[in-house]
Amino acid sequence: IIFRQRFVAPILAGRKIQTSRLWSRARVRAGGIYEARTYRAGKPFARLHVLDMRKERLGDISEEDAVREGYATSAEFLKDFFAMHEGKFKPGTDWLNHQVWVLSFEVIQ
C-alpha cells in the first residue's frame, strides 16, 4: 500500500490507522497483511494488517474517520484529499458523492 512520505511517522506512531483510496476495485483484502511503502522509496517502512474495508461516499466521512485518517476534522481531511487528488475529479461533478475504499489497519511489529 503506497503512502506519501508525510504519513510515515503518523502510521508508525499509531495516529493514522485508516486510509481512503480512489480505487475502482479493491486491491487488498480485509485480514490481509501488506507492505507499506512511500511513493519514491522502494523499501517498505511497515507491514500493515488490514482490519476492515468498506466503500463510502466522500461526503459521509465522520469526524471519527477524519481522526483515524490522521486529521483533526473532516473538513481538513477533505481539503487535503482533494489537493492530493487534484485533476482526478472532473469540474462540475459532485465529488462529495464519489465512492472511495476505506481501509482500517494496524501496524504489525
PDB file of N, CA and C in Angstrom:
ATOM      1  N   ILE A   1       0.871  -1.163   0.000  1.00  0.00           N
ATOM      2  CA  ILE A   1       0.000   0.000   0.000  1.00  0.00           C
ATOM      3  C   ILE A   1       0.916   1.223   0.000  1.00  0.00           C
ATOM      4  N   ILE A   2       0.667   2.119  -0.914  1.00  0.00           N
ATOM      5  CA  ILE A   2       1.525   3.290  -1.100  1.00  0.00           C
ATOM      6  C   ILE A   2       0.989   4.485  -0.312  1.00  0.00           C
ATOM      7  N   PHE A   3       1.911   5.180   0.380  1.00  0.00           N
ATOM      8  CA  PHE A   3       1.572   6.372   1.151  1.00  0.00           C
ATOM      9  C   PHE A   3       2.535   7.503   0.816  1.00  0.00           C
ATOM     10  N   ARG A   4       2.108   8.705   1.057  1.00  0.00           N
ATOM     11  CA  ARG A   4       3.004   9.857   0.955  1.00  0.00           C
ATOM     12  C   ARG A   4       3.948   9.835   2.155  1.00  0.00           C
ATOM     13  N   GLN A   5       5.137  10.362   1.956  1.00  0.00           N
ATOM     14  CA  GLN A   5       6.178  10.357   2.989  1.00  0.00           C
ATOM     15  C   GLN A   5       5.681  10.969   4.300  1.00  0.00           C
ATOM     16  N   ARG A   6       4.874  12.004   4.229  1.00  0.00           N
ATOM     17  CA  ARG A   6       4.437  12.689   5.450  1.00  0.00           C
ATOM     18  C   ARG A   6       3.521  11.833   6.326  1.00  0.00           C
ATOM     19  N   PHE A   7       3.036  10.701   5.801  1.00  0.00           N
ATOM     20  CA  PHE A   7       2.188   9.822   6.597  1.00  0.00           C
ATOM     21  C   PHE A   7       2.963   8.718   7.310  1.00  0.00           C
ATOM     22  N   VAL A   8       4.246   8.580   7.036  1.00  0.00           N
ATOM     23  CA  VAL A   8       5.037   7.508   7.638  1.00  0.00           C
ATOM     24  C   VAL A   8       5.050   7.627   9.159  1.00  0.00           C
ATOM     25  N   ALA A   9       5.431   8.773   9.692  1.00  0.00           N
ATOM     26  CA  ALA A   9       5.524   8.946  11.152  1.00  0.00           C
ATOM     27  C   ALA A   9       4.167   8.742  11.831  1.00  0.00           C
ATOM     28  N   PRO A  10       3.060   9.338  11.335  1.00  0.00           N
ATOM     29  CA  PRO A  10       1.767   9.093  11.989  1.00  0.00           C
ATOM     30  C   PRO A  10       1.330   7.624  11.933  1.00  0.00           C
ATOM     31  N   ILE A  11       1.658   6.916  10.865  1.00  0.00           N
ATOM     32  CA  ILE A  11       1.316   5.490  10.780  1.00  0.00           C
ATOM     33  C   ILE A  11       2.118   4.712  11.820  1.00  0.00           C
ATOM     34  N   LEU A  12       3.428   4.954  11.864  1.00  0.00           N
ATOM     35  CA  LEU A  12       4.283   4.222  12.800  1.00  0.00           C
ATOM     36  C   LEU A  12       3.940   4.538  14.254  1.00  0.00           C
ATOM     37  N   ALA A  13       3.427   5.759  14.505  1.00  0.00           N
ATOM     38  CA  ALA A  13       3.049   6.164  15.867  1.00  0.00           C
ATOM     39  C   ALA A  13       1.632   5.726  16.225  1.00  0.00           C
ATOM     40  N   GLY A  14       0.897   5.160  15.269  1.00  0.00           N
ATOM     41  CA  GLY A  14      -0.461   4.705  15.534  1.00  0.00           C
ATOM     42  C   GLY A  14      -1.507   5.812  15.511  1.00  0.00           C
ATOM     43  N   ARG A  15      -1.146   6.983  14.976  1.00  0.00           N
ATOM     44  CA  ARG A  15      -2.099   8.093  14.874  1.00  0.00           C
ATOM     45  C   ARG A  15      -2.894   8.050  13.568  1.00  0.00           C
ATOM     46  N   LYS A  16      -2.369   7.392  12.550  1.00  0.00           N
ATOM     47  CA  LYS A  16      -3.079   7.197  11.285  1.00  0.00           C
ATOM     48  C   LYS A  16      -3.334   5.708  11.158  1.00  0.00           C
ATOM     49  N   ILE A  17      -4.610   5.323  11.276  1.00  0.00           N
ATOM     50  CA  ILE A  17      -4.965   3.901  11.259  1.00  0.00           C
ATOM     51  C   ILE A  17      -6.037   3.608  10.209  1.00  0.00           C
ATOM     52  N   GLN A  18      -6.210   4.564   9.295  1.00  0.00           N
ATOM     53  CA  GLN A  18      -7.211   4.417   8.236  1.00  0.00           C
ATOM     54  C   GLN A  18      -6.725   5.191   7.018  1.00  0.00           C
ATOM     55  N   THR A  19      -7.110   4.709   5.840  1.00  0.00           N
ATOM     56  CA  THR A  19      -6.788   5.418   4.610  1.00  0.00           C
ATOM     57  C   THR A  19      -7.936   5.259   3.625  1.00  0.00           C
ATOM     58  N   SER A  20      -8.176   6.296   2.838  1.00  0.00           N
ATOM     59  CA  SER A  20      -9.229   6.274   1.816  1.00  0.00           C
ATOM     60  C   SER A  20      -8.574   6.262   0.449  1.00  0.00           C
ATOM     61  N   ARG A  21      -9.086   5.417  -0.435  1.00  0.00           N
ATOM     62  CA  ARG A  21      -8.472   5.214  -1.752  1.00  0.00           C
ATOM     63  C   ARG A  21      -9.492   5.373  -2.870  1.00  0.00           C
ATOM     64  N   LEU A  22      -9.051   5.909  -3.998  1.00  0.00           N
ATOM     65  CA  LEU A  22      -9.895   6.103  -5.179  1.00  0.00           C
ATOM     66  C   LEU A  22      -9.889   4.886  -6.099  1.00  0.00           C
ATOM     67  N   TRP A  23      -9.606   3.728  -5.584  1.00  0.00           N
ATOM     68  CA  TRP A  23      -9.541   2.518  -6.392  1.00  0.00           C
ATOM     69  C   TRP A  23     -10.889   2.227  -7.030  1.00  0.00           C
ATOM     70  N   SER A  24     -10.880   1.770  -8.271  1.00  0.00           N
ATOM     71  CA  SER A  24     -12.115   1.350  -8.925  1.00  0.00           C
ATOM     72  C   SER A  24     -12.562  -0.017  -8.407  1.00  0.00           C
ATOM     73  N   ARG A  25     -11.614  -0.797  -7.906  1.00  0.00           N
ATOM     74  CA  ARG A  25     -11.919  -2.098  -7.317  1.00  0.00           C
ATOM     75  C   ARG A  25     -10.972  -2.305  -6.143  1.00  0.00           C
ATOM     76  N   ALA A  26     -11.338  -3.195  -5.252  1.00  0.00           N
ATOM     77  CA  ALA A  26     -10.498  -3.468  -4.085  1.00  0.00           C
ATOM     78  C   ALA A  26      -9.169  -4.058  -4.524  1.00  0.00           C
ATOM     79  N   ARG A  27      -8.093  -3.557  -3.967  1.00  0.00           N
ATOM     80  CA  ARG A  27      -6.756  -4.058  -4.297  1.00  0.00           C
ATOM     81  C   ARG A  27      -6.126  -4.832  -3.152  1.00  0.00           C
ATOM     82  N   VAL A  28      -6.779  -4.815  -2.014  1.00  0.00           N
ATOM     83  CA  VAL A  28      -6.339  -5.582  -0.848  1.00  0.00           C
ATOM     84  C   VAL A  28      -7.580  -6.224  -0.234  1.00  0.00           C
ATOM     85  N   ARG A  29      -7.366  -7.079   0.741  1.00  0.00           N
ATOM     86  CA  ARG A  29      -8.491  -7.755   1.402  1.00  0.00           C
ATOM     87  C   ARG A  29      -8.402  -7.562   2.910  1.00  0.00           C
ATOM     88  N   ALA A  30      -9.556  -7.458   3.539  1.00  0.00           N
ATOM     89  CA  ALA A  30      -9.599  -7.438   4.995  1.00  0.00           C
ATOM     90  C   ALA A  30      -8.997  -8.729   5.508  1.00  0.00           C
ATOM     91  N   GLY A  31      -8.147  -8.627   6.493  1.00  0.00           N
ATOM     92  CA  GLY A  31      -7.457  -9.787   7.035  1.00  0.00           C
ATOM     93  C   GLY A  31      -6.073  -9.998   6.438  1.00  0.00           C
ATOM     94  N   GLY A  32      -5.800  -9.338   5.323  1.00  0.00           N
ATOM     95  CA  GLY A  32      -4.503  -9.485   4.667  1.00  0.00           C
ATOM     96  C   GLY A  32      -3.418  -8.645   5.309  1.00  0.00           C
ATOM     97  N   ILE A  33      -2.175  -9.037   5.052  1.00  0.00           N
ATOM     98  CA  ILE A  33      -1.007  -8.296   5.533  1.00  0.00           C
ATOM     99  C   ILE A  33      -0.258  -7.791   4.309  1.00  0.00           C
ATOM    100  N   TYR A  34       0.038  -6.468   4.314  1.00  0.00           N
ATOM    101  CA  TYR A  34       0.630  -5.816   3.148  1.00  0.00           C
ATOM    102  C   TYR A  34       1.776  -4.911   3.568  1.00  0.00           C
ATOM    103  N   GLU A  35       2.724  -4.731   2.661  1.00  0.00           N
ATOM    104  CA  GLU A  35       3.820  -3.805   2.908  1.00  0.00           C
ATOM    105  C   GLU A  35       3.345  -2.381   2.670  1.00  0.00           C
ATOM    106  N   ALA A  36       3.773  -1.480   3.536  1.00  0.00           N
ATOM    107  CA  ALA A  36       3.509  -0.053   3.372  1.00  0.00           C
ATOM    108  C   ALA A  36       4.782   0.579   2.829  1.00  0.00           C
ATOM    109  N   ARG A  37       4.646   1.310   1.737  1.00  0.00           N
ATOM    110  CA  ARG A  37       5.783   1.961   1.080  1.00  0.00           C
ATOM    111  C   ARG A  37       5.434   3.412   0.802  1.00  0.00           C
ATOM    112  N   THR A  38       6.466   4.201   0.560  1.00  0.00           N
ATOM    113  CA  THR A  38       6.228   5.567   0.104  1.00  0.00           C
ATOM    114  C   THR A  38       6.343   5.593  -1.414  1.00  0.00           C
ATOM    115  N   TYR A  39       5.898   6.683  -2.015  1.00  0.00           N
ATOM    116  CA  TYR A  39       5.915   6.799  -3.468  1.00  0.00           C
ATOM    117  C   TYR A  39       7.300   6.640  -4.055  1.00  0.00           C
ATOM    118  N   ARG A  40       8.297   7.243  -3.437  1.00  0.00           N
ATOM    119  CA  ARG A  40       9.629   7.265  -4.048  1.00  0.00           C
ATOM    120  C   ARG A  40      10.577   6.202  -3.501  1.00  0.00           C
ATOM    121  N   ALA A  41      10.364   5.795  -2.264  1.00  0.00           N
ATOM    122  CA  ALA A  41      11.279   4.826  -1.651  1.00  0.00           C
ATOM    123  C   ALA A  41      10.816   3.410  -1.969  1.00  0.00           C
ATOM    124  N   GLY A  42      11.742   2.580  -2.364  1.00  0.00           N
ATOM    125  CA  GLY A  42      11.376   1.219  -2.692  1.00  0.00           C
ATOM    126  C   GLY A  42      11.246   0.321  -1.485  1.00  0.00           C
ATOM    127  N   LYS A  43      11.919   0.679  -0.390  1.00  0.00           N
ATOM    128  CA  LYS A  43      11.937  -0.171   0.792  1.00  0.00           C
ATOM    129  C   LYS A  43      10.682   0.053   1.636  1.00  0.00           C
ATOM    130  N   PRO A  44      10.034  -1.022   2.076  1.00  0.00           N
ATOM    131  CA  PRO A  44       8.849  -0.876   2.933  1.00  0.00           C
ATOM    132  C   PRO A  44       9.215  -0.234   4.271  1.00  0.00           C
ATOM    133  N   PHE A  45       8.285   0.567   4.809  1.00  0.00           N
ATOM    134  CA  PHE A  45       8.528   1.173   6.119  1.00  0.00           C
ATOM    135  C   PHE A  45       7.707   0.477   7.212  1.00  0.00           C
ATOM    136  N   ALA A  46       6.751  -0.366   6.825  1.00  0.00           N
ATOM    137  CA  ALA A  46       5.938  -1.081   7.812  1.00  0.00           C
ATOM    138  C   ALA A  46       5.196  -2.216   7.126  1.00  0.00           C
ATOM    139  N   ARG A  47       4.701  -3.127   7.958  1.00  0.00           N
ATOM    140  CA  ARG A  47       3.769  -4.159   7.494  1.00  0.00           C
ATOM    141  C   ARG A  47       2.434  -3.829   8.121  1.00  0.00           C
ATOM    142  N   LEU A  48       1.388  -3.810   7.298  1.00  0.00           N
ATOM    143  CA  LEU A  48       0.064  -3.441   7.773  1.00  0.00           C
ATOM    144  C   LEU A  48      -0.893  -4.617   7.696  1.00  0.00           C
ATOM    145  N   HIS A  49      -1.643  -4.815   8.746  1.00  0.00           N
ATOM    146  CA  HIS A  49      -2.714  -5.800   8.780  1.00  0.00           C
ATOM    147  C   HIS A  49      -4.000  -5.029   8.513  1.00  0.00           C
ATOM    148  N   VAL A  50      -4.652  -5.291   7.383  1.00  0.00           N
ATOM    149  CA  VAL A  50      -5.907  -4.618   7.046  1.00  0.00           C
ATOM    150  C   VAL A  50      -7.018  -5.270   7.856  1.00  0.00           C
ATOM    151  N   LEU A  51      -7.626  -4.468   8.724  1.00  0.00           N
ATOM    152  CA  LEU A  51      -8.649  -4.976   9.634  1.00  0.00           C
ATOM    153  C   LEU A  51     -10.037  -4.953   9.018  1.00  0.00           C
ATOM    154  N   ASP A  52     -10.314  -3.928   8.206  1.00  0.00           N
ATOM    155  CA  ASP A  52     -11.653  -3.752   7.650  1.00  0.00           C
ATOM    156  C   ASP A  52     -11.560  -2.951   6.367  1.00  0.00           C
ATOM    157  N   MET A  53     -12.501  -3.196   5.471  1.00  0.00           N
ATOM    158  CA  MET A  53     -12.613  -2.438   4.221  1.00  0.00           C
ATOM    159  C   MET A  53     -14.084  -2.178   3.967  1.00  0.00           C
ATOM    160  N   ARG A  54     -14.347  -0.976   3.460  1.00  0.00           N
ATOM    161  CA  ARG A  54     -15.722  -0.645   3.082  1.00  0.00           C
ATOM    162  C   ARG A  54     -15.685   0.446   2.029  1.00  0.00           C
ATOM    163  N   LYS A  55     -16.781   0.556   1.291  1.00  0.00           N
ATOM    164  CA  LYS A  55     -16.941   1.666   0.351  1.00  0.00           C
ATOM    165  C   LYS A  55     -17.771   2.722   1.054  1.00  0.00           C
ATOM    166  N   GLU A  56     -17.406   3.981   0.811  1.00  0.00           N
ATOM    167  CA  GLU A  56     -18.089   5.082   1.475  1.00  0.00           C
ATOM    168  C   GLU A  56     -18.064   6.307   0.566  1.00  0.00           C
ATOM    169  N   ARG A  57     -19.122   7.112   0.650  1.00  0.00           N
ATOM    170  CA  ARG A  57     -19.139   8.397  -0.061  1.00  0.00           C
ATOM    171  C   ARG A  57     -18.191   9.354   0.648  1.00  0.00           C
ATOM    172  N   LEU A  58     -17.414  10.107  -0.116  1.00  0.00           N
ATOM    173  CA  LEU A  58     -16.512  11.076   0.497  1.00  0.00           C
ATOM    174  C   LEU A  58     -17.264  12.035   1.418  1.00  0.00           C
ATOM    175  N   GLY A  59     -18.453  12.429   1.031  1.00  0.00           N
ATOM    176  CA  GLY A  59     -19.239  13.357   1.830  1.00  0.00           C
ATOM    177  C   GLY A  59     -19.741  12.775   3.139  1.00  0.00           C
ATOM    178  N   ASP A  60     -19.618  11.461   3.320  1.00  0.00           N
ATOM    179  CA  ASP A  60     -20.091  10.813   4.544  1.00  0.00           C
ATOM    180  C   ASP A  60     -19.001  10.607   5.579  1.00  0.00           C
ATOM    181  N   ILE A  61     -17.808  11.115   5.338  1.00  0.00           N
ATOM    182  CA  ILE A  61     -16.732  10.915   6.312  1.00  0.00           C
ATOM    183  C   ILE A  61     -17.104  11.590   7.633  1.00  0.00           C
ATOM    184  N   SER A  62     -16.953  10.852   8.706  1.00  0.00           N
ATOM    185  CA  SER A  62     -17.281  11.370  10.039  1.00  0.00           C
ATOM    186  C   SER A  62     -16.053  12.045  10.649  1.00  0.00           C
ATOM    187  N   GLU A  63     -16.283  12.741  11.729  1.00  0.00           N
ATOM    188  CA  GLU A  63     -15.161  13.336  12.460  1.00  0.00           C
ATOM    189  C   GLU A  63     -14.251  12.238  12.997  1.00  0.00           C
ATOM    190  N   GLU A  64     -14.828  11.120  13.449  1.00  0.00           N
ATOM    191  CA  GLU A  64     -14.027   9.985  13.930  1.00  0.00           C
ATOM    192  C   GLU A  64     -13.164   9.411  12.803  1.00  0.00           C
ATOM    193  N   ASP A  65     -13.753   9.298  11.603  1.00  0.00           N
ATOM    194  CA  ASP A  65     -12.985   8.815  10.452  1.00  0.00           C
ATOM    195  C   ASP A  65     -11.818   9.753  10.172  1.00  0.00           C
ATOM    196  N   ALA A  66     -12.056  11.053  10.221  1.00  0.00           N
ATOM    197  CA  ALA A  66     -11.000  12.034   9.948  1.00  0.00           C
ATOM    198  C   ALA A  66      -9.839  11.865  10.935  1.00  0.00           C
ATOM    199  N   VAL A  67     -10.155  11.651  12.201  1.00  0.00           N
ATOM    200  CA  VAL A  67      -9.111  11.437  13.210  1.00  0.00           C
ATOM    201  C   VAL A  67      -8.345  10.153  12.904  1.00  0.00           C
ATOM    202  N   ARG A  68      -9.049   9.076  12.527  1.00  0.00           N
ATOM    203  CA  ARG A  68      -8.370   7.819  12.162  1.00  0.00           C
ATOM    204  C   ARG A  68      -7.500   8.000  10.916  1.00  0.00           C
ATOM    205  N   GLU A  69      -7.881   8.944  10.054  1.00  0.00           N
ATOM    206  CA  GLU A  69      -7.085   9.251   8.854  1.00  0.00           C
ATOM    207  C   GLU A  69      -5.858  10.107   9.187  1.00  0.00           C
ATOM    208  N   GLY A  70      -5.808  10.610  10.439  1.00  0.00           N
ATOM    209  CA  GLY A  70      -4.667  11.423  10.858  1.00  0.00           C
ATOM    210  C   GLY A  70      -4.928  12.910  10.820  1.00  0.00           C
ATOM    211  N   TYR A  71      -6.187  13.331  10.745  1.00  0.00           N
ATOM    212  CA  TYR A  71      -6.558  14.747  10.655  1.00  0.00           C
ATOM    213  C   TYR A  71      -7.374  15.151  11.879  1.00  0.00           C
ATOM    214  N   ALA A  72      -7.458  16.461  12.120  1.00  0.00           N
ATOM    215  CA  ALA A  72      -8.218  16.979  13.263  1.00  0.00           C
ATOM    216  C   ALA A  72      -9.715  17.019  12.968  1.00  0.00           C
ATOM    217  N   THR A  73     -10.092  17.297  11.707  1.00  0.00           N
ATOM    218  CA  THR A  73     -11.501  17.435  11.337  1.00  0.00           C
ATOM    219  C   THR A  73     -11.753  16.829   9.967  1.00  0.00           C
ATOM    220  N   SER A  74     -13.027  16.572   9.679  1.00  0.00           N
ATOM    221  CA  SER A  74     -13.380  16.055   8.350  1.00  0.00           C
ATOM    222  C   SER A  74     -13.127  17.108   7.276  1.00  0.00           C
ATOM    223  N   ALA A  75     -13.328  18.380   7.602  1.00  0.00           N
ATOM    224  CA  ALA A  75     -13.061  19.449   6.629  1.00  0.00           C
ATOM    225  C   ALA A  75     -11.573  19.483   6.258  1.00  0.00           C
ATOM    226  N   GLU A  76     -10.703  19.304   7.241  1.00  0.00           N
ATOM    227  CA  GLU A  76      -9.256  19.268   6.989  1.00  0.00           C
ATOM    228  C   GLU A  76      -8.910  18.061   6.112  1.00  0.00           C
ATOM    229  N   PHE A  77      -9.501  16.902   6.424  1.00  0.00           N
ATOM    230  CA  PHE A  77      -9.260  15.703   5.619  1.00  0.00           C
ATOM    231  C   PHE A  77      -9.680  15.925   4.174  1.00  0.00           C
ATOM    232  N   LEU A  78     -10.907  16.417   3.958  1.00  0.00           N
ATOM    233  CA  LEU A  78     -11.414  16.609   2.597  1.00  0.00           C
ATOM    234  C   LEU A  78     -10.573  17.600   1.814  1.00  0.00           C
ATOM    235  N   LYS A  79     -10.168  18.684   2.452  1.00  0.00           N
ATOM    236  CA  LYS A  79      -9.331  19.679   1.768  1.00  0.00           C
ATOM    237  C   LYS A  79      -8.033  19.038   1.290  1.00  0.00           C
ATOM    238  N   ASP A  80      -7.380  18.262   2.156  1.00  0.00           N
ATOM    239  CA  ASP A  80      -6.124  17.613   1.789  1.00  0.00           C
ATOM    240  C   ASP A  80      -6.344  16.496   0.774  1.00  0.00           C
ATOM    241  N   PHE A  81      -7.431  15.728   0.929  1.00  0.00           N
ATOM    242  CA  PHE A  81      -7.723  14.653  -0.006  1.00  0.00           C
ATOM    243  C   PHE A  81      -7.858  15.189  -1.427  1.00  0.00           C
ATOM    244  N   PHE A  82      -8.611  16.275  -1.575  1.00  0.00           N
ATOM    245  CA  PHE A  82      -8.803  16.832  -2.914  1.00  0.00           C
ATOM    246  C   PHE A  82      -7.541  17.496  -3.438  1.00  0.00           C
ATOM    247  N   ALA A  83      -6.727  18.047  -2.577  1.00  0.00           N
ATOM    248  CA  ALA A  83      -5.442  18.610  -3.012  1.00  0.00           C
ATOM    249  C   ALA A  83      -4.529  17.489  -3.514  1.00  0.00           C
ATOM    250  N   MET A  84      -4.518  16.344  -2.813  1.00  0.00           N
ATOM    251  CA  MET A  84      -3.673  15.212  -3.228  1.00  0.00           C
ATOM    252  C   MET A  84      -4.147  14.592  -4.536  1.00  0.00           C
ATOM    253  N   HIS A  85      -5.442  14.692  -4.815  1.00  0.00           N
ATOM    254  CA  HIS A  85      -6.019  14.051  -5.997  1.00  0.00           C
ATOM    255  C   HIS A  85      -6.477  15.080  -7.029  1.00  0.00           C
ATOM    256  N   GLU A  86      -5.837  16.230  -7.014  1.00  0.00           N
ATOM    257  CA  GLU A  86      -6.191  17.294  -7.948  1.00  0.00           C
ATOM    258  C   GLU A  86      -6.114  16.776  -9.386  1.00  0.00           C
ATOM    259  N   GLY A  87      -7.105  17.107 -10.166  1.00  0.00           N
ATOM    260  CA  GLY A  87      -7.145  16.689 -11.557  1.00  0.00           C
ATOM    261  C   GLY A  87      -7.855  15.366 -11.782  1.00  0.00           C
ATOM    262  N   LYS A  88      -8.156  14.632 -10.729  1.00  0.00           N
ATOM    263  CA  LYS A  88      -8.850  13.353 -10.879  1.00  0.00           C
ATOM    264  C   LYS A  88     -10.364  13.508 -10.837  1.00  0.00           C
ATOM    265  N   PHE A  89     -10.818  14.682 -10.431  1.00  0.00           N
ATOM    266  CA  PHE A  89     -12.247  14.951 -10.367  1.00  0.00           C
ATOM    267  C   PHE A  89     -12.604  15.941 -11.456  1.00  0.00           C
ATOM    268  N   LYS A  90     -13.568  15.593 -12.293  1.00  0.00           N
ATOM    269  CA  LYS A  90     -13.969  16.460 -13.399  1.00  0.00           C
ATOM    270  C   LYS A  90     -14.672  17.693 -12.853  1.00  0.00           C
ATOM    271  N   PRO A  91     -14.382  18.864 -13.416  1.00  0.00           N
ATOM    272  CA  PRO A  91     -15.080  20.083 -12.987  1.00  0.00           C
ATOM    273  C   PRO A  91     -16.588  19.913 -13.138  1.00  0.00           C
ATOM    274  N   GLY A  92     -17.314  20.414 -12.180  1.00  0.00           N
ATOM    275  CA  GLY A  92     -18.767  20.356 -12.238  1.00  0.00           C
ATOM    276  C   GLY A  92     -19.367  19.078 -11.683  1.00  0.00           C
ATOM    277  N   THR A  93     -18.528  18.114 -11.311  1.00  0.00           N
ATOM    278  CA  THR A  93     -19.077  16.884 -10.741  1.00  0.00           C
ATOM    279  C   THR A  93     -19.229  17.041  -9.229  1.00  0.00           C
ATOM    280  N   ASP A  94     -20.140  16.296  -8.674  1.00  0.00           N
ATOM    281  CA  ASP A  94     -20.368  16.330  -7.235  1.00  0.00           C
ATOM    282  C   ASP A  94     -19.405  15.352  -6.579  1.00  0.00           C
ATOM    283  N   TRP A  95     -18.204  15.805  -6.295  1.00  0.00           N
ATOM    284  CA  TRP A  95     -17.160  14.923  -5.780  1.00  0.00           C
ATOM    285  C   TRP A  95     -17.480  14.399  -4.391  1.00  0.00           C
ATOM    286  N   LEU A  96     -18.346  15.050  -3.645  1.00  0.00           N
ATOM    287  CA  LEU A  96     -18.700  14.524  -2.324  1.00  0.00           C
ATOM    288  C   LEU A  96     -19.518  13.233  -2.427  1.00  0.00           C
ATOM    289  N   ASN A  97     -20.108  12.975  -3.602  1.00  0.00           N
ATOM    290  CA  ASN A  97     -20.840  11.724  -3.815  1.00  0.00           C
ATOM    291  C   ASN A  97     -19.940  10.606  -4.326  1.00  0.00           C
ATOM    292  N   HIS A  98     -18.680  10.909  -4.585  1.00  0.00           N
ATOM    293  CA  HIS A  98     -17.754   9.914  -5.108  1.00  0.00           C
ATOM    294  C   HIS A  98     -17.492   8.838  -4.059  1.00  0.00           C
ATOM    295  N   GLN A  99     -17.513   7.570  -4.480  1.00  0.00           N
ATOM    296  CA  GLN A  99     -17.244   6.442  -3.596  1.00  0.00           C
ATOM    297  C   GLN A  99     -15.743   6.180  -3.498  1.00  0.00           C
ATOM    298  N   VAL A 100     -15.267   5.935  -2.286  1.00  0.00           N
ATOM    299  CA  VAL A 100     -13.872   5.571  -2.056  1.00  0.00           C
ATOM    300  C   VAL A 100     -13.836   4.279  -1.245  1.00  0.00           C
ATOM    301  N   TRP A 101     -12.727   3.580  -1.337  1.00  0.00           N
ATOM    302  CA  TRP A 101     -12.474   2.439  -0.466  1.00  0.00           C
ATOM    303  C   TRP A 101     -11.845   2.975   0.808  1.00  0.00           C
ATOM    304  N   VAL A 102     -12.371   2.576   1.946  1.00  0.00           N
ATOM    305  CA  VAL A 102     -11.837   2.988   3.244  1.00  0.00           C
ATOM    306  C   VAL A 102     -11.241   1.751   3.916  1.00  0.00           C
ATOM    307  N   LEU A 103      -9.960   1.810   4.225  1.00  0.00           N
ATOM    308  CA  LEU A 103      -9.245   0.681   4.833  1.00  0.00           C
ATOM    309  C   LEU A 103      -8.840   1.047   6.246  1.00  0.00           C
ATOM    310  N   SER A 104      -9.183   0.227   7.206  1.00  0.00           N
ATOM    311  CA  SER A 104      -8.688   0.359   8.575  1.00  0.00           C
ATOM    312  C   SER A 104      -7.554  -0.643   8.728  1.00  0.00           C
ATOM    313  N   PHE A 105      -6.496  -0.235   9.409  1.00  0.00           N
ATOM    314  CA  PHE A 105      -5.333  -1.110   9.517  1.00  0.00           C
ATOM    315  C   PHE A 105      -4.608  -0.922  10.834  1.00  0.00           C
ATOM    316  N   GLU A 106      -3.714  -1.865  11.121  1.00  0.00           N
ATOM    317  CA  GLU A 106      -2.810  -1.754  12.254  1.00  0.00           C
ATOM    318  C   GLU A 106      -1.427  -2.126  11.767  1.00  0.00           C
ATOM    319  N   VAL A 107      -0.425  -1.533  12.392  1.00  0.00           N
ATOM    320  CA  VAL A 107       0.968  -1.859  12.063  1.00  0.00           C
ATOM    321  C   VAL A 107       1.347  -3.138  12.793  1.00  0.00           C
ATOM    322  N   ILE A 108       1.994  -4.033  12.077  1.00  0.00           N
ATOM    323  CA  ILE A 108       2.492  -5.275  12.660  1.00  0.00           C
ATOM    324  C   ILE A 108       3.981  -5.070  12.950  1.00  0.00           C
ATOM    325  N   GLN A 109       4.349  -5.290  14.177  1.00  0.00           N
ATOM    326  CA  GLN A 109       5.769  -5.112  14.568  1.00  0.00           C
ATOM    327  C   GLN A 109       6.580  -6.333  14.212  1.00  0.00           C
TER     328      GLN A 109
END
